[in-house]
Amino acid sequence: MRAWPDLYIPQLHSRFQVPQLALFNTSAQKVETLPKKSHYRMYVCGITPYDATHLGHAATYLTFDLINRFLRATGAKVDFVQNITDIDDPLLERAQRDGIDWKDLAQSQVDLFMGDMTDLHIIPPQNYIGVVEAMPLVVDAVQKLRDAGTTYEVGSDIYYRVHSDSEFGKRSHYSQEKMLEIFAERGGDPKKPGKEDPLDALVWLSQREGEPGWPSPFGAGRPGWHIECCAIALHYLRPDASDDYAIDIQGGGSDLIFPHHEMSAAQSRSINGQKFARSYVHAGMIGLDGEKMSKSLGNLVFVSKLISSGVNPAAIRWALMGHLYAADLMWTDSLLVQAANDIDRLQLNLARMEVAPTDEVIAKVIAALAQNLDTPRALDAIKRWMESTEAGATGGVAGELSRALDTLLGIAL
């Protein structure tokens, strides 16, 4: 599947020193500096296309867009892959509820999502891969797990033994009790009769009557959750066998810490023997007016509706960058109003003939982002620059600052 159109990203002037990026690694439970490399591999879990694109999606993909931009600013190449879970129970359930073909629903939501990503100035992945188109890779991955002796059958369904991976549980650091609770809430089936361990993960669901299925050596069916991501990542990111890790960054929202990222990492390690990701990076959740934003509550705020109502997409980026990416955010209309005012003010200041010195603010933005994407500190530096400019300070180059804000923050004015 083709991603949305690529972006032109201006280069920073060579006089600006860009340090190595430090990020909170969920697996290590601390902020770690990424090793200096000329080539990074990043995999970000994509949407299940039936409710796109809400602000939770936007916050997640903005986080990894900022990481992508910063790593590129160091001079490194970034191989970025993202999937679309275009076959899954929630998609089939929504299509049945609405009386439409699941393929049509998925495509309409993917088209909407790509339009939103374009509007939000998100760098597209080099490979944007749907699970349906990757089905041969998934079948091959399941076969490799079978050949390694890490699976068993319950009826005609195939399950992965999670404790085949000696490091299972070490990415999420959840207790057994918490894992069981979350597993049941997020698509797992801990109480299914016949399983060897309640946490064992479904990797191949045999075809049910009235549901789609794909041929395989082990019978027609479709993937369980998790296996598709490690199959896509291992194929398209082409891990270096000499590295201890298959990829550098595995990313998504914090609701993917368990079971999804724990399970996909375990399955990947059983397939190729490498640890999966050097860093597991997770964006916080978004709430609305004091409640968790969720499909079940019906309180999702959609990017496309905001933009169609006249909201500047840059204001959405600015509002989301006003808090630390890993922290949960309670969204309110006032956040967006303030962000829109800030963007208008920034645009006016960048249009002035004389502006305050700009080298220092660019350096401060770089330094803030280098420390675990401290976007609030970066925005504060920009606001102080605006205050200085409005007070009559001169000596800066507005065009250079404008380009730097596009390069580093994706704010293109």
Protein backbone atom coordinates (compact mmCIF):
# COMPACT_ATOMS: atom_id res chain seq x y z
CA MET A 1 0.00 0.00 0.00
CA ARG A 2 1.28 3.45 -0.84
CA ALA A 3 1.64 5.93 1.99
CA TRP A 4 0.68 9.60 1.88
CA PRO A 5 2.90 12.03 -0.09
CA ASP A 6 6.48 12.56 1.07
CA LEU A 7 7.55 15.86 2.60
CA TYR A 8 10.43 18.19 1.93
CA ILE A 9 12.36 18.59 5.17
CA PRO A 10 14.78 21.56 5.25
CA GLN A 11 18.29 20.90 6.53
CA LEU A 12 19.66 22.63 9.58
CA HIS A 13 22.76 24.76 9.06
CA SER A 14 25.92 22.85 9.95
CA ARG A 15 26.79 25.31 12.71
CA PHE A 16 23.98 23.83 14.84
CA GLN A 17 25.19 20.82 16.80
CA VAL A 18 22.58 18.09 17.11
CA PRO A 19 23.34 15.67 19.98
CA GLN A 20 22.21 12.08 20.28
CA LEU A 21 18.57 11.61 21.18
CA ALA A 22 17.60 10.37 24.64
CA LEU A 23 14.20 8.65 25.03
CA PHE A 24 12.35 6.87 27.81
CA ASN A 25 12.74 3.15 27.12
CA THR A 26 9.81 1.25 28.59
CA SER A 27 11.84 -1.94 28.66
CA ALA A 28 14.69 -0.36 30.64
CA GLN A 29 12.30 1.81 32.68
CA LYS A 30 14.55 4.84 32.26
CA VAL A 31 15.65 7.51 29.82
CA GLU A 32 18.46 6.21 27.62
CA THR A 33 20.54 7.89 24.93
CA LEU A 34 20.32 6.10 21.61
CA PRO A 35 23.69 4.94 20.33
CA LYS A 36 25.20 7.04 17.56
CA LYS A 37 24.41 5.36 14.25
CA SER A 38 24.24 6.29 10.59
CA HIS A 39 21.13 4.16 10.10
CA TYR A 40 18.14 3.62 12.41
CA ARG A 41 15.25 1.19 12.03
CA MET A 42 11.89 2.29 13.47
CA TYR A 43 8.61 0.39 13.48
CA VAL A 44 5.41 2.11 14.59
CA CYS A 45 2.16 0.22 15.00
CA GLY A 46 -0.60 1.60 12.82
CA ILE A 47 -4.35 1.92 13.12
CA THR A 48 -7.12 -0.60 12.85
CA PRO A 49 -9.08 1.33 10.23
CA TYR A 50 -12.56 1.83 11.59
CA ASP A 51 -12.33 5.08 13.64
CA ALA A 52 -9.69 7.35 12.10
CA THR A 53 -8.12 9.71 12.94
CA HIS A 54 -8.82 10.70 16.53
CA LEU A 55 -6.54 12.82 18.70
CA GLY A 56 -5.06 9.75 20.38
CA HIS A 57 -3.84 8.60 16.98
CA ALA A 58 -2.56 12.09 16.21
CA ALA A 59 -0.60 12.30 19.47
CA THR A 60 1.04 8.92 18.86
CA TYR A 61 2.09 9.57 15.27
CA LEU A 62 3.25 13.08 16.13
CA THR A 63 5.58 11.57 18.75
CA PHE A 64 7.30 9.32 16.25
CA ASP A 65 7.33 12.04 13.62
CA LEU A 66 9.37 14.16 16.07
CA ILE A 67 11.73 11.23 16.67
CA ASN A 68 12.08 10.71 12.92
CA ARG A 69 12.82 14.40 12.34
CA PHE A 70 15.40 14.58 15.12
CA LEU A 71 17.27 11.45 14.02
CA ARG A 72 17.36 12.79 10.46
CA ALA A 73 18.70 16.10 11.80
CA THR A 74 21.68 14.19 13.24
CA GLY A 75 22.49 13.19 9.64
CA ALA A 76 21.29 9.62 10.04
CA LYS A 77 19.12 7.61 7.69
CA VAL A 78 15.83 6.44 9.23
CA ASP A 79 14.05 3.40 7.85
CA PHE A 80 10.48 3.82 9.05
CA VAL A 81 7.81 1.14 8.65
CA GLN A 82 4.19 1.30 9.77
CA ASN A 83 1.41 -1.23 9.42
CA ILE A 84 -2.35 -1.05 9.01
CA THR A 85 -4.32 -3.75 10.81
CA ASP A 86 -6.83 -4.03 7.99
CA ILE A 87 -8.23 -7.35 9.15
CA ASP A 88 -9.22 -7.78 12.79
CA ASP A 89 -12.28 -8.48 14.92
CA PRO A 90 -13.17 -4.82 15.68
CA LEU A 91 -13.11 -3.97 11.97
CA LEU A 92 -15.35 -6.92 11.09
CA GLU A 93 -17.72 -6.07 13.94
CA ARG A 94 -18.00 -2.43 12.88
CA ALA A 95 -18.60 -3.39 9.23
CA GLN A 96 -21.34 -5.82 10.25
CA ARG A 97 -22.93 -3.21 12.53
CA ASP A 98 -22.97 -0.61 9.75
CA GLY A 99 -23.98 -3.04 7.02
CA ILE A 100 -21.00 -2.43 4.75
CA ASP A 101 -18.24 -4.58 3.33
CA TRP A 102 -15.25 -4.73 5.71
CA LYS A 103 -12.84 -4.03 2.84
CA ASP A 104 -14.73 -0.86 1.89
CA LEU A 105 -14.77 0.30 5.51
CA ALA A 106 -11.06 -0.31 5.88
CA GLN A 107 -10.16 1.53 2.67
CA SER A 108 -12.34 4.53 3.48
CA GLN A 109 -10.72 4.88 6.89
CA VAL A 110 -7.20 4.41 5.53
CA ASP A 111 -7.86 7.15 2.97
CA LEU A 112 -9.12 9.44 5.74
CA PHE A 113 -6.12 8.63 7.92
CA MET A 114 -3.63 9.37 5.15
CA GLY A 115 -5.32 12.70 4.47
CA ASP A 116 -5.08 13.59 8.15
CA MET A 117 -1.39 12.63 8.27
CA THR A 118 -0.76 14.84 5.24
CA ASP A 119 -2.55 17.75 6.89
CA LEU A 120 -0.63 17.23 10.14
CA HIS A 121 2.69 17.30 8.26
CA ILE A 122 3.70 13.79 9.37
CA ILE A 123 6.62 12.24 7.49
CA PRO A 124 5.26 9.10 5.78
CA PRO A 125 6.80 5.66 6.31
CA GLN A 126 8.89 4.25 3.49
CA ASN A 127 6.77 1.12 3.78
CA TYR A 128 3.12 1.43 4.78
CA ILE A 129 1.93 -2.16 4.88
CA GLY A 130 -1.52 -3.63 5.34
CA VAL A 131 -1.87 -6.98 7.04
CA VAL A 132 -3.90 -8.32 4.13
CA GLU A 133 -1.15 -7.58 1.61
CA ALA A 134 1.41 -9.01 4.05
CA MET A 135 -0.47 -12.29 4.54
CA PRO A 136 2.28 -14.41 2.90
CA LEU A 137 4.77 -12.93 5.38
CA VAL A 138 2.45 -13.71 8.28
CA VAL A 139 1.94 -17.29 7.13
CA ASP A 140 5.72 -17.68 6.83
CA ALA A 141 6.23 -16.26 10.33
CA VAL A 142 3.67 -18.65 11.83
CA GLN A 143 5.37 -21.56 10.07
CA LYS A 144 8.73 -20.52 11.53
CA LEU A 145 7.22 -20.47 15.01
CA ARG A 146 5.78 -23.94 14.38
CA ASP A 147 9.13 -25.21 13.12
CA ALA A 148 10.80 -23.85 16.25
CA GLY A 149 8.40 -25.82 18.44
CA THR A 150 6.94 -22.71 20.06
CA THR A 151 3.29 -23.27 19.08
CA TYR A 152 0.49 -25.70 19.75
CA GLU A 153 -3.07 -26.13 18.56
CA VAL A 154 -6.33 -25.62 20.36
CA GLY A 155 -8.82 -27.16 18.01
CA SER A 156 -7.81 -25.74 14.65
CA ASP A 157 -6.39 -22.49 16.08
CA ILE A 158 -2.65 -22.02 16.65
CA TYR A 159 -1.22 -20.52 19.84
CA TYR A 160 2.25 -19.26 20.69
CA ARG A 161 3.83 -20.32 23.98
CA VAL A 162 4.81 -16.95 25.43
CA HIS A 163 7.36 -18.48 27.78
CA SER A 164 9.27 -19.81 24.77
CA ASP A 165 10.91 -16.40 25.08
CA SER A 166 12.96 -16.28 28.28
CA GLU A 167 12.56 -12.50 28.37
CA PHE A 168 8.77 -12.52 28.24
CA GLY A 169 7.44 -9.85 30.58
CA LYS A 170 10.68 -7.86 30.72
CA ARG A 171 9.53 -5.18 28.27
CA SER A 172 6.33 -4.28 30.10
CA HIS A 173 7.39 -5.11 33.68
CA TYR A 174 3.80 -5.96 34.60
CA SER A 175 2.89 -8.49 37.27
CA GLN A 176 1.21 -11.73 36.26
CA GLU A 177 -2.06 -10.44 37.72
CA LYS A 178 -1.89 -7.20 35.76
CA MET A 179 -0.96 -9.01 32.55
CA LEU A 180 -3.96 -11.32 32.91
CA GLU A 181 -6.28 -8.39 33.59
CA ILE A 182 -5.06 -6.36 30.62
CA PHE A 183 -4.88 -9.37 28.33
CA ALA A 184 -8.60 -10.01 28.82
CA GLU A 185 -9.40 -6.33 28.19
CA ARG A 186 -7.31 -6.01 25.03
CA GLY A 187 -8.24 -8.83 22.75
CA GLY A 188 -6.78 -11.79 24.64
CA ASP A 189 -8.57 -14.98 25.67
CA PRO A 190 -7.01 -16.08 28.99
CA LYS A 191 -9.95 -18.31 29.90
CA LYS A 192 -10.16 -20.25 26.66
CA PRO A 193 -10.25 -24.00 27.41
CA GLY A 194 -7.31 -26.01 26.12
CA LYS A 195 -4.63 -23.35 26.44
CA GLU A 196 -1.39 -24.35 28.14
CA ASP A 197 -0.95 -20.91 29.69
CA PRO A 198 -3.67 -18.24 30.01
CA LEU A 199 -1.32 -15.69 28.41
CA ASP A 200 -0.42 -17.75 25.35
CA ALA A 201 -1.15 -15.71 22.24
CA LEU A 202 -3.28 -16.64 19.25
CA VAL A 203 -1.15 -16.49 16.09
CA TRP A 204 -3.53 -18.11 13.59
CA LEU A 205 -7.31 -18.13 13.83
CA SER A 206 -8.91 -20.79 11.67
CA GLN A 207 -11.57 -19.48 9.33
CA ARG A 208 -14.99 -19.03 10.90
CA GLU A 209 -18.23 -19.25 8.96
CA GLY A 210 -19.07 -15.94 7.34
CA GLU A 211 -15.62 -14.46 7.97
CA PRO A 212 -12.70 -13.96 5.57
CA GLY A 213 -9.79 -16.37 5.53
CA TRP A 214 -6.52 -16.91 3.67
CA PRO A 215 -4.91 -20.19 2.65
CA SER A 216 -1.97 -21.58 4.60
CA PRO A 217 -0.24 -24.94 5.14
CA PHE A 218 -2.08 -25.14 8.46
CA GLY A 219 -5.54 -24.37 7.10
CA ALA A 220 -7.46 -21.32 5.95
CA GLY A 221 -7.68 -18.52 8.48
CA ARG A 222 -6.26 -15.15 9.50
CA PRO A 223 -3.68 -13.83 11.93
CA GLY A 224 -4.17 -13.43 15.59
CA TRP A 225 -3.02 -10.06 16.86
CA HIS A 226 0.78 -9.43 17.27
CA ILE A 227 2.25 -11.85 14.71
CA GLU A 228 1.60 -9.47 11.80
CA CYS A 229 3.75 -6.71 13.28
CA CYS A 230 6.84 -8.82 13.86
CA ALA A 231 6.43 -10.39 10.39
CA ILE A 232 6.19 -6.98 8.69
CA ALA A 233 8.99 -5.44 10.76
CA LEU A 234 11.44 -8.29 10.21
CA HIS A 235 10.82 -8.33 6.46
CA TYR A 236 10.78 -4.62 5.63
CA LEU A 237 13.35 -3.35 8.12
CA ARG A 238 15.88 -6.05 7.19
CA PRO A 239 17.66 -6.46 10.55
CA ASP A 240 21.44 -6.57 10.67
CA ALA A 241 22.31 -10.07 11.89
CA SER A 242 25.47 -8.73 13.55
CA ASP A 243 23.42 -6.45 15.83
CA ASP A 244 22.03 -7.69 19.14
CA TYR A 245 18.70 -6.04 18.24
CA ALA A 246 16.55 -6.48 15.15
CA ILE A 247 15.38 -2.86 15.16
CA ASP A 248 16.15 0.32 17.07
CA ILE A 249 12.70 1.62 18.04
CA GLN A 250 9.34 -0.06 18.49
CA GLY A 251 6.66 2.56 18.98
CA GLY A 252 3.00 3.11 19.70
CA GLY A 253 0.57 4.29 22.33
CA SER A 254 0.99 3.22 25.94
CA ASP A 255 -2.01 0.89 25.55
CA LEU A 256 0.24 -1.28 23.35
CA ILE A 257 2.87 -1.93 26.04
CA PHE A 258 0.98 -5.10 26.88
CA PRO A 259 -0.01 -7.34 25.34
CA HIS A 260 0.87 -6.16 21.85
CA HIS A 261 4.49 -5.07 22.13
CA GLU A 262 5.39 -7.74 24.65
CA MET A 263 3.89 -10.45 22.46
CA SER A 264 5.25 -9.25 19.13
CA ALA A 265 8.73 -8.90 20.63
CA ALA A 266 8.60 -12.42 22.03
CA GLN A 267 7.41 -13.90 18.76
CA SER A 268 10.05 -12.01 16.80
CA ARG A 269 12.81 -13.33 19.08
CA SER A 270 11.53 -16.87 18.60
CA ILE A 271 11.67 -16.38 14.83
CA ASN A 272 15.14 -14.90 14.33
CA GLY A 273 16.94 -15.20 17.68
CA GLN A 274 17.60 -11.47 18.05
CA LYS A 275 16.15 -9.25 20.71
CA PHE A 276 13.47 -7.27 18.92
CA ALA A 277 13.85 -3.56 19.76
CA ARG A 278 16.62 -1.61 21.44
CA SER A 279 14.07 0.94 22.70
CA TYR A 280 10.34 0.61 23.33
CA VAL A 281 8.82 4.08 23.19
CA HIS A 282 5.23 4.84 24.11
CA ALA A 283 3.01 7.90 23.83
CA GLY A 284 0.49 8.71 26.54
CA MET A 285 -3.28 8.48 26.26
CA ILE A 286 -5.63 11.37 25.49
CA GLY A 287 -8.74 12.11 27.54
CA LEU A 288 -11.56 14.59 27.01
CA ASP A 289 -13.19 16.79 29.64
CA GLY A 290 -12.19 14.58 32.54
CA GLU A 291 -12.87 11.20 30.93
CA LYS A 292 -10.76 8.77 28.96
CA MET A 293 -11.24 9.30 25.22
CA SER A 294 -12.50 6.01 23.83
CA LYS A 295 -14.65 4.48 21.14
CA SER A 296 -16.93 2.90 23.73
CA LEU A 297 -17.69 6.25 25.38
CA GLY A 298 -18.28 7.89 22.01
CA ASN A 299 -16.21 10.93 22.96
CA LEU A 300 -13.53 10.77 20.29
CA VAL A 301 -12.30 14.05 18.80
CA PHE A 302 -11.46 13.57 15.13
CA VAL A 303 -8.67 15.43 13.34
CA SER A 304 -10.60 15.66 10.07
CA LYS A 305 -13.58 17.30 11.81
CA LEU A 306 -11.35 19.84 13.53
CA ILE A 307 -9.67 20.74 10.25
CA SER A 308 -12.96 20.91 8.32
CA SER A 309 -14.23 23.34 10.97
CA GLY A 310 -11.36 25.68 10.12
CA VAL A 311 -8.71 24.66 12.66
CA ASN A 312 -5.14 25.12 11.42
CA PRO A 313 -3.44 21.68 11.48
CA ALA A 314 -0.31 23.37 12.87
CA ALA A 315 -2.39 24.40 15.89
CA ILE A 316 -3.26 20.75 16.54
CA ARG A 317 0.46 19.86 16.47
CA TRP A 318 1.28 22.80 18.74
CA ALA A 319 -1.46 21.90 21.24
CA LEU A 320 -0.28 18.28 21.45
CA MET A 321 3.35 19.37 21.82
CA GLY A 322 2.39 21.48 24.81
CA HIS A 323 2.69 18.41 27.04
CA LEU A 324 5.29 15.67 27.39
CA TYR A 325 4.64 12.90 24.89
CA ALA A 326 4.75 10.04 27.42
CA ALA A 327 2.29 11.67 29.82
CA ASP A 328 -1.47 11.31 29.54
CA LEU A 329 -3.23 14.48 28.40
CA MET A 330 -6.71 15.69 29.24
CA TRP A 331 -7.83 17.53 26.10
CA THR A 332 -9.97 20.64 26.34
CA ASP A 333 -11.14 23.17 23.78
CA SER A 334 -9.10 25.84 25.56
CA LEU A 335 -5.86 24.01 24.69
CA LEU A 336 -6.68 24.29 21.01
CA VAL A 337 -7.78 27.92 21.28
CA GLN A 338 -4.51 28.86 22.96
CA ALA A 339 -2.51 26.86 20.42
CA ALA A 340 -4.26 28.60 17.54
CA ASN A 341 -3.44 31.98 19.09
CA ASP A 342 0.20 30.94 19.51
CA ILE A 343 0.45 29.82 15.89
CA ASP A 344 -1.09 33.08 14.63
CA ARG A 345 1.32 35.05 16.82
CA LEU A 346 4.29 32.99 15.61
CA GLN A 347 3.31 33.51 11.99
CA LEU A 348 3.12 37.27 12.51
CA ASN A 349 6.51 37.38 14.21
CA LEU A 350 8.18 35.30 11.51
CA ALA A 351 6.81 37.74 8.91
CA ARG A 352 8.57 40.74 10.51
CA MET A 353 11.46 42.41 8.75
CA GLU A 354 13.45 42.54 12.01
CA VAL A 355 13.36 39.77 14.61
CA ALA A 356 15.18 38.86 17.81
CA PRO A 357 18.35 36.73 17.50
CA THR A 358 17.43 33.26 16.28
CA ASP A 359 20.53 31.09 16.81
CA GLU A 360 19.88 30.80 20.53
CA VAL A 361 16.24 29.76 20.20
CA ILE A 362 17.10 27.13 17.58
CA ALA A 363 19.81 25.75 19.88
CA LYS A 364 17.34 25.67 22.78
CA VAL A 365 14.76 23.79 20.70
CA ILE A 366 17.40 21.23 19.71
CA ALA A 367 18.55 20.81 23.33
CA ALA A 368 14.99 20.40 24.60
CA LEU A 369 14.09 17.77 22.02
CA ALA A 370 17.31 15.85 22.66
CA GLN A 371 16.21 15.31 26.26
CA ASN A 372 13.33 12.87 25.80
CA LEU A 373 11.42 15.13 23.39
CA ASP A 374 10.81 17.90 25.90
CA THR A 375 8.42 19.75 23.62
CA PRO A 376 6.97 22.02 26.33
CA ARG A 377 10.46 23.40 26.95
CA ALA A 378 10.97 23.84 23.19
CA LEU A 379 7.70 25.77 22.86
CA ASP A 380 8.58 27.92 25.86
CA ALA A 381 11.83 28.91 24.14
CA ILE A 382 9.87 29.94 21.03
CA LYS A 383 7.41 31.97 23.12
CA ARG A 384 10.29 33.81 24.81
CA TRP A 385 11.74 34.58 21.37
CA MET A 386 8.38 36.01 20.32
CA GLU A 387 8.33 38.20 23.42
CA SER A 388 11.82 39.49 22.63
CA THR A 389 10.88 40.18 19.02
CA GLU A 390 7.73 42.03 20.06
CA ALA A 391 9.82 44.06 22.50
CA GLY A 392 11.97 45.28 19.59
CA ALA A 393 15.02 42.99 19.73
CA THR A 394 16.81 42.50 16.40
CA GLY A 395 19.67 40.53 14.88
CA GLY A 396 17.89 37.30 13.93
CA VAL A 397 17.05 35.61 10.64
CA ALA A 398 13.34 34.81 10.53
CA GLY A 399 13.64 32.51 7.52
CA GLU A 400 16.24 30.33 9.21
CA LEU A 401 14.10 29.96 12.32
CA SER A 402 11.05 29.17 10.19
CA ARG A 403 12.96 26.40 8.41
CA ALA A 404 14.30 25.03 11.70
CA LEU A 405 10.80 24.84 13.17
CA ASP A 406 9.70 22.85 10.13
CA THR A 407 12.75 20.57 10.34
CA LEU A 408 12.51 19.83 14.05
CA LEU A 409 8.89 20.35 15.06
CA GLY A 410 6.99 19.96 11.79
CA ILE A 411 5.56 23.48 12.12
CA ALA A 412 5.52 24.73 8.53
CA LEU A 413 4.31 28.32 8.33
